[in-house]
Amino acid sequence: MGGWELIPRGQAIRAYYLWTPILVFCALLQVTLMPHLTVAGVQPDLALAAVVCWALCRGAADGAVGGLLAGLVLDLLSGAPFGVHTFTMTLVGAAAGLAAALVPREHAMLLPGMAVFCTILQQAACVSLLRAAGWPLGWTQPVVVVVIIAAVLNLLLTIILYPWVGRLGRALPQGESGW
């Protein structure tokens, strides 16, 4: 079938039944607990780290779906214009999954590189969308410093989450063998 493996529908749905509550929980922790765990006024992004880990384990399609779910929950709970988090998290999930398909999984820089890249991608997309919505944001020196601190915090969080997410990802049937 040209790179795609068909798996029984029940097994594919089971993967989402297990992963959806975890993503919702991560998004809830993001808006309730993470604001209290700041470093230099910057909070780590648990939902982003979970989506990146899931996408690296499961591929671009599952990563995009995970990003969509996490983004919807974040949009429902945030004061930002609806759709900002949904779009950016879906973009991050797809980008991380695509990188996992293009870069060998054994490459030592895949996880840290994607954690940092996806943080920068998400922050840039959020600032761009919020500016388009009329919010007075710009790429000033303080914003760049915030993005650097956020990238380091998300890198550490991703390193902590990856073994558990990877174990769950390997336990579930894989429906996509790559692009």
C-alpha atoms as a PDB file:
ATOM      1  CA  MET A   1       0.000   0.000   0.000  1.00  0.00           C
ATOM      2  CA  GLY A   2       2.878   2.380  -0.615  1.00  0.00           C
ATOM      3  CA  GLY A   3       4.173   3.067   2.892  1.00  0.00           C
ATOM      4  CA  TRP A   4       0.876   2.844   4.743  1.00  0.00           C
ATOM      5  CA  GLU A   5      -0.171  -0.083   6.880  1.00  0.00           C
ATOM      6  CA  LEU A   6      -3.799  -0.646   7.637  1.00  0.00           C
ATOM      7  CA  ILE A   7      -4.602  -1.525  11.206  1.00  0.00           C
ATOM      8  CA  PRO A   8      -7.920  -2.639  12.583  1.00  0.00           C
ATOM      9  CA  ARG A   9     -10.155   0.319  13.323  1.00  0.00           C
ATOM     10  CA  GLY A  10     -10.649  -0.675  16.956  1.00  0.00           C
ATOM     11  CA  GLN A  11      -6.921  -0.615  17.639  1.00  0.00           C
ATOM     12  CA  ALA A  12      -6.507   2.835  16.088  1.00  0.00           C
ATOM     13  CA  ILE A  13      -9.419   4.186  18.103  1.00  0.00           C
ATOM     14  CA  ARG A  14      -7.993   2.615  21.275  1.00  0.00           C
ATOM     15  CA  ALA A  15      -4.837   4.684  20.815  1.00  0.00           C
ATOM     16  CA  TYR A  16      -6.895   7.867  20.853  1.00  0.00           C
ATOM     17  CA  TYR A  17      -8.995   6.708  23.798  1.00  0.00           C
ATOM     18  CA  LEU A  18      -5.833   6.274  25.833  1.00  0.00           C
ATOM     19  CA  TRP A  19      -4.024   9.387  24.649  1.00  0.00           C
ATOM     20  CA  THR A  20      -6.920  11.899  24.643  1.00  0.00           C
ATOM     21  CA  PRO A  21      -7.419  11.979  28.446  1.00  0.00           C
ATOM     22  CA  ILE A  22      -3.665  12.332  28.926  1.00  0.00           C
ATOM     23  CA  LEU A  23      -3.543  15.317  26.561  1.00  0.00           C
ATOM     24  CA  VAL A  24      -6.579  16.919  28.195  1.00  0.00           C
ATOM     25  CA  PHE A  25      -4.951  16.443  31.607  1.00  0.00           C
ATOM     26  CA  CYS A  26      -1.703  18.017  30.347  1.00  0.00           C
ATOM     27  CA  ALA A  27      -3.639  20.993  28.957  1.00  0.00           C
ATOM     28  CA  LEU A  28      -5.505  21.408  32.254  1.00  0.00           C
ATOM     29  CA  LEU A  29      -2.223  21.307  34.161  1.00  0.00           C
ATOM     30  CA  GLN A  30      -0.865  23.859  31.707  1.00  0.00           C
ATOM     31  CA  VAL A  31      -3.476  26.442  32.676  1.00  0.00           C
ATOM     32  CA  THR A  32      -3.718  25.589  36.388  1.00  0.00           C
ATOM     33  CA  LEU A  33      -0.325  24.419  37.689  1.00  0.00           C
ATOM     34  CA  MET A  34       2.258  25.686  35.207  1.00  0.00           C
ATOM     35  CA  PRO A  35       1.626  29.411  35.823  1.00  0.00           C
ATOM     36  CA  HIS A  36       2.954  28.802  39.346  1.00  0.00           C
ATOM     37  CA  LEU A  37       6.110  27.042  38.107  1.00  0.00           C
ATOM     38  CA  THR A  38       7.820  29.932  36.379  1.00  0.00           C
ATOM     39  CA  VAL A  39      11.493  30.660  35.806  1.00  0.00           C
ATOM     40  CA  ALA A  40      12.294  34.337  35.184  1.00  0.00           C
ATOM     41  CA  GLY A  41       8.580  34.907  34.585  1.00  0.00           C
ATOM     42  CA  VAL A  42       8.357  32.189  31.911  1.00  0.00           C
ATOM     43  CA  GLN A  43       6.349  28.999  32.354  1.00  0.00           C
ATOM     44  CA  PRO A  44       7.151  25.663  30.728  1.00  0.00           C
ATOM     45  CA  ASP A  45       4.578  24.370  28.245  1.00  0.00           C
ATOM     46  CA  LEU A  46       3.496  20.895  29.340  1.00  0.00           C
ATOM     47  CA  ALA A  47       0.970  20.531  26.517  1.00  0.00           C
ATOM     48  CA  LEU A  48       3.606  21.405  23.913  1.00  0.00           C
ATOM     49  CA  ALA A  49       6.072  18.921  25.401  1.00  0.00           C
ATOM     50  CA  ALA A  50       3.432  16.171  25.399  1.00  0.00           C
ATOM     51  CA  VAL A  51       2.463  16.862  21.776  1.00  0.00           C
ATOM     52  CA  VAL A  52       6.113  16.894  20.652  1.00  0.00           C
ATOM     53  CA  CYS A  53       6.814  13.597  22.429  1.00  0.00           C
ATOM     54  CA  TRP A  54       3.672  11.982  20.983  1.00  0.00           C
ATOM     55  CA  ALA A  55       4.496  13.178  17.471  1.00  0.00           C
ATOM     56  CA  LEU A  56       8.065  11.886  17.703  1.00  0.00           C
ATOM     57  CA  CYS A  57       6.760   8.480  18.788  1.00  0.00           C
ATOM     58  CA  ARG A  58       3.731   8.188  16.506  1.00  0.00           C
ATOM     59  CA  GLY A  59       4.346  10.316  13.411  1.00  0.00           C
ATOM     60  CA  ALA A  60       2.944  13.435  11.794  1.00  0.00           C
ATOM     61  CA  ALA A  61      -0.709  12.373  11.547  1.00  0.00           C
ATOM     62  CA  ASP A  62      -1.009  11.353  15.201  1.00  0.00           C
ATOM     63  CA  GLY A  63       1.081  14.371  16.203  1.00  0.00           C
ATOM     64  CA  ALA A  64      -1.251  16.734  14.358  1.00  0.00           C
ATOM     65  CA  VAL A  65      -4.328  15.118  15.928  1.00  0.00           C
ATOM     66  CA  GLY A  66      -2.721  15.339  19.369  1.00  0.00           C
ATOM     67  CA  GLY A  67      -1.883  18.988  18.754  1.00  0.00           C
ATOM     68  CA  LEU A  68      -5.437  19.647  17.625  1.00  0.00           C
ATOM     69  CA  LEU A  69      -6.875  18.109  20.805  1.00  0.00           C
ATOM     70  CA  ALA A  70      -4.468  19.908  23.143  1.00  0.00           C
ATOM     71  CA  GLY A  71      -4.956  23.175  21.257  1.00  0.00           C
ATOM     72  CA  LEU A  72      -8.744  22.960  21.490  1.00  0.00           C
ATOM     73  CA  VAL A  73      -8.580  22.492  25.261  1.00  0.00           C
ATOM     74  CA  LEU A  74      -6.107  25.367  25.616  1.00  0.00           C
ATOM     75  CA  ASP A  75      -8.300  27.593  23.426  1.00  0.00           C
ATOM     76  CA  LEU A  76     -11.349  26.817  25.548  1.00  0.00           C
ATOM     77  CA  LEU A  77      -9.454  27.784  28.707  1.00  0.00           C
ATOM     78  CA  SER A  78      -7.458  30.806  27.512  1.00  0.00           C
ATOM     79  CA  GLY A  79      -8.227  34.440  26.867  1.00  0.00           C
ATOM     80  CA  ALA A  80      -6.547  34.448  23.465  1.00  0.00           C
ATOM     81  CA  PRO A  81      -8.626  34.541  20.285  1.00  0.00           C
ATOM     82  CA  PHE A  82     -10.142  31.124  19.679  1.00  0.00           C
ATOM     83  CA  GLY A  83      -8.086  29.033  17.302  1.00  0.00           C
ATOM     84  CA  VAL A  84      -4.633  30.406  18.109  1.00  0.00           C
ATOM     85  CA  HIS A  85      -3.638  27.437  20.265  1.00  0.00           C
ATOM     86  CA  THR A  86      -5.464  24.950  18.050  1.00  0.00           C
ATOM     87  CA  PHE A  87      -3.579  26.111  14.969  1.00  0.00           C
ATOM     88  CA  THR A  88      -0.168  26.387  16.614  1.00  0.00           C
ATOM     89  CA  MET A  89      -0.336  23.074  18.461  1.00  0.00           C
ATOM     90  CA  THR A  90      -1.534  21.257  15.323  1.00  0.00           C
ATOM     91  CA  LEU A  91       1.352  22.834  13.417  1.00  0.00           C
ATOM     92  CA  VAL A  92       3.810  21.764  16.122  1.00  0.00           C
ATOM     93  CA  GLY A  93       2.489  18.188  16.188  1.00  0.00           C
ATOM     94  CA  ALA A  94       2.723  17.856  12.418  1.00  0.00           C
ATOM     95  CA  ALA A  95       6.210  19.406  12.294  1.00  0.00           C
ATOM     96  CA  ALA A  96       7.582  17.152  15.036  1.00  0.00           C
ATOM     97  CA  GLY A  97       6.052  14.078  13.425  1.00  0.00           C
ATOM     98  CA  LEU A  98       7.461  15.026  10.035  1.00  0.00           C
ATOM     99  CA  ALA A  99      10.911  15.446  11.575  1.00  0.00           C
ATOM    100  CA  ALA A 100      10.590  12.002  13.143  1.00  0.00           C
ATOM    101  CA  ALA A 101       9.891  10.585   9.678  1.00  0.00           C
ATOM    102  CA  LEU A 102      12.837  12.393   8.087  1.00  0.00           C
ATOM    103  CA  VAL A 103      15.498  12.048  10.803  1.00  0.00           C
ATOM    104  CA  PRO A 104      16.542   8.627  12.112  1.00  0.00           C
ATOM    105  CA  ARG A 105      15.063   8.024  15.566  1.00  0.00           C
ATOM    106  CA  GLU A 106      18.484   7.048  16.870  1.00  0.00           C
ATOM    107  CA  HIS A 107      19.884  10.512  16.125  1.00  0.00           C
ATOM    108  CA  ALA A 108      20.965  12.064  19.419  1.00  0.00           C
ATOM    109  CA  MET A 109      19.741  15.545  18.499  1.00  0.00           C
ATOM    110  CA  LEU A 110      16.220  14.597  17.373  1.00  0.00           C
ATOM    111  CA  LEU A 111      14.516  15.044  20.758  1.00  0.00           C
ATOM    112  CA  PRO A 112      16.341  18.171  21.953  1.00  0.00           C
ATOM    113  CA  GLY A 113      16.330  19.702  18.495  1.00  0.00           C
ATOM    114  CA  MET A 114      12.596  19.224  18.046  1.00  0.00           C
ATOM    115  CA  ALA A 115      11.802  20.464  21.558  1.00  0.00           C
ATOM    116  CA  VAL A 116      13.655  23.719  20.895  1.00  0.00           C
ATOM    117  CA  PHE A 117      12.480  24.076  17.278  1.00  0.00           C
ATOM    118  CA  CYS A 118       8.825  23.412  18.154  1.00  0.00           C
ATOM    119  CA  THR A 119       8.946  25.936  21.002  1.00  0.00           C
ATOM    120  CA  ILE A 120      10.306  28.603  18.660  1.00  0.00           C
ATOM    121  CA  LEU A 121       7.776  27.628  15.970  1.00  0.00           C
ATOM    122  CA  GLN A 122       4.880  27.767  18.421  1.00  0.00           C
ATOM    123  CA  GLN A 123       5.954  31.096  19.914  1.00  0.00           C
ATOM    124  CA  ALA A 124       6.504  32.653  16.475  1.00  0.00           C
ATOM    125  CA  ALA A 125       3.134  31.424  15.223  1.00  0.00           C
ATOM    126  CA  CYS A 126       1.356  32.662  18.375  1.00  0.00           C
ATOM    127  CA  VAL A 127       2.939  36.118  18.175  1.00  0.00           C
ATOM    128  CA  SER A 128       2.124  36.353  14.459  1.00  0.00           C
ATOM    129  CA  LEU A 129      -1.503  35.294  14.948  1.00  0.00           C
ATOM    130  CA  LEU A 130      -1.999  37.583  17.943  1.00  0.00           C
ATOM    131  CA  ARG A 131      -0.486  40.511  16.024  1.00  0.00           C
ATOM    132  CA  ALA A 132      -2.846  39.743  13.135  1.00  0.00           C
ATOM    133  CA  ALA A 133      -5.724  39.838  15.627  1.00  0.00           C
ATOM    134  CA  GLY A 134      -4.675  43.332  16.720  1.00  0.00           C
ATOM    135  CA  TRP A 135      -2.701  42.543  19.862  1.00  0.00           C
ATOM    136  CA  PRO A 136       0.266  44.914  20.313  1.00  0.00           C
ATOM    137  CA  LEU A 137       3.091  42.360  20.217  1.00  0.00           C
ATOM    138  CA  GLY A 138       6.423  42.531  18.484  1.00  0.00           C
ATOM    139  CA  TRP A 139       9.738  40.724  18.288  1.00  0.00           C
ATOM    140  CA  THR A 140      11.550  42.953  20.748  1.00  0.00           C
ATOM    141  CA  GLN A 141      14.566  41.971  22.828  1.00  0.00           C
ATOM    142  CA  PRO A 142      12.470  40.849  25.859  1.00  0.00           C
ATOM    143  CA  VAL A 143      10.296  38.601  23.671  1.00  0.00           C
ATOM    144  CA  VAL A 144      13.388  36.909  22.233  1.00  0.00           C
ATOM    145  CA  VAL A 145      14.732  36.304  25.760  1.00  0.00           C
ATOM    146  CA  VAL A 146      11.368  34.821  26.796  1.00  0.00           C
ATOM    147  CA  VAL A 147      11.431  32.465  23.801  1.00  0.00           C
ATOM    148  CA  ILE A 148      14.967  31.313  24.667  1.00  0.00           C
ATOM    149  CA  ILE A 149      14.018  30.633  28.296  1.00  0.00           C
ATOM    150  CA  ALA A 150      10.822  28.859  27.183  1.00  0.00           C
ATOM    151  CA  ALA A 151      12.823  26.705  24.762  1.00  0.00           C
ATOM    152  CA  VAL A 152      15.185  25.595  27.536  1.00  0.00           C
ATOM    153  CA  LEU A 153      12.313  24.865  29.944  1.00  0.00           C
ATOM    154  CA  ASN A 154      10.381  22.930  27.299  1.00  0.00           C
ATOM    155  CA  LEU A 155      13.521  20.995  26.408  1.00  0.00           C
ATOM    156  CA  LEU A 156      13.881  19.856  30.020  1.00  0.00           C
ATOM    157  CA  LEU A 157      10.183  18.981  30.234  1.00  0.00           C
ATOM    158  CA  THR A 158      10.330  17.039  26.967  1.00  0.00           C
ATOM    159  CA  ILE A 159      13.332  15.042  28.176  1.00  0.00           C
ATOM    160  CA  ILE A 160      11.386  14.118  31.321  1.00  0.00           C
ATOM    161  CA  LEU A 161       8.169  13.176  29.455  1.00  0.00           C
ATOM    162  CA  TYR A 162       9.637  11.308  26.493  1.00  0.00           C
ATOM    163  CA  PRO A 163      10.336   7.934  28.181  1.00  0.00           C
ATOM    164  CA  TRP A 164       6.735   7.635  29.433  1.00  0.00           C
ATOM    165  CA  VAL A 165       5.120   8.852  26.244  1.00  0.00           C
ATOM    166  CA  GLY A 166       7.450   6.617  24.235  1.00  0.00           C
ATOM    167  CA  ARG A 167       6.455   3.587  26.286  1.00  0.00           C
ATOM    168  CA  LEU A 168       2.771   4.331  25.678  1.00  0.00           C
ATOM    169  CA  GLY A 169       3.380   5.023  21.988  1.00  0.00           C
ATOM    170  CA  ARG A 170       5.188   1.715  21.503  1.00  0.00           C
ATOM    171  CA  ALA A 171       2.472  -0.215  23.361  1.00  0.00           C
ATOM    172  CA  LEU A 172      -0.195   0.939  20.912  1.00  0.00           C
ATOM    173  CA  PRO A 173      -0.496  -0.267  17.316  1.00  0.00           C
ATOM    174  CA  GLN A 174       1.261   1.895  14.752  1.00  0.00           C
ATOM    175  CA  GLY A 175      -0.944   2.824  11.804  1.00  0.00           C
ATOM    176  CA  GLU A 176       1.551   4.891   9.866  1.00  0.00           C
ATOM    177  CA  SER A 177       4.952   3.661   8.792  1.00  0.00           C
ATOM    178  CA  GLY A 178       6.116   7.041   7.536  1.00  0.00           C
ATOM    179  CA  TRP A 179       5.455   9.561   4.812  1.00  0.00           C
END
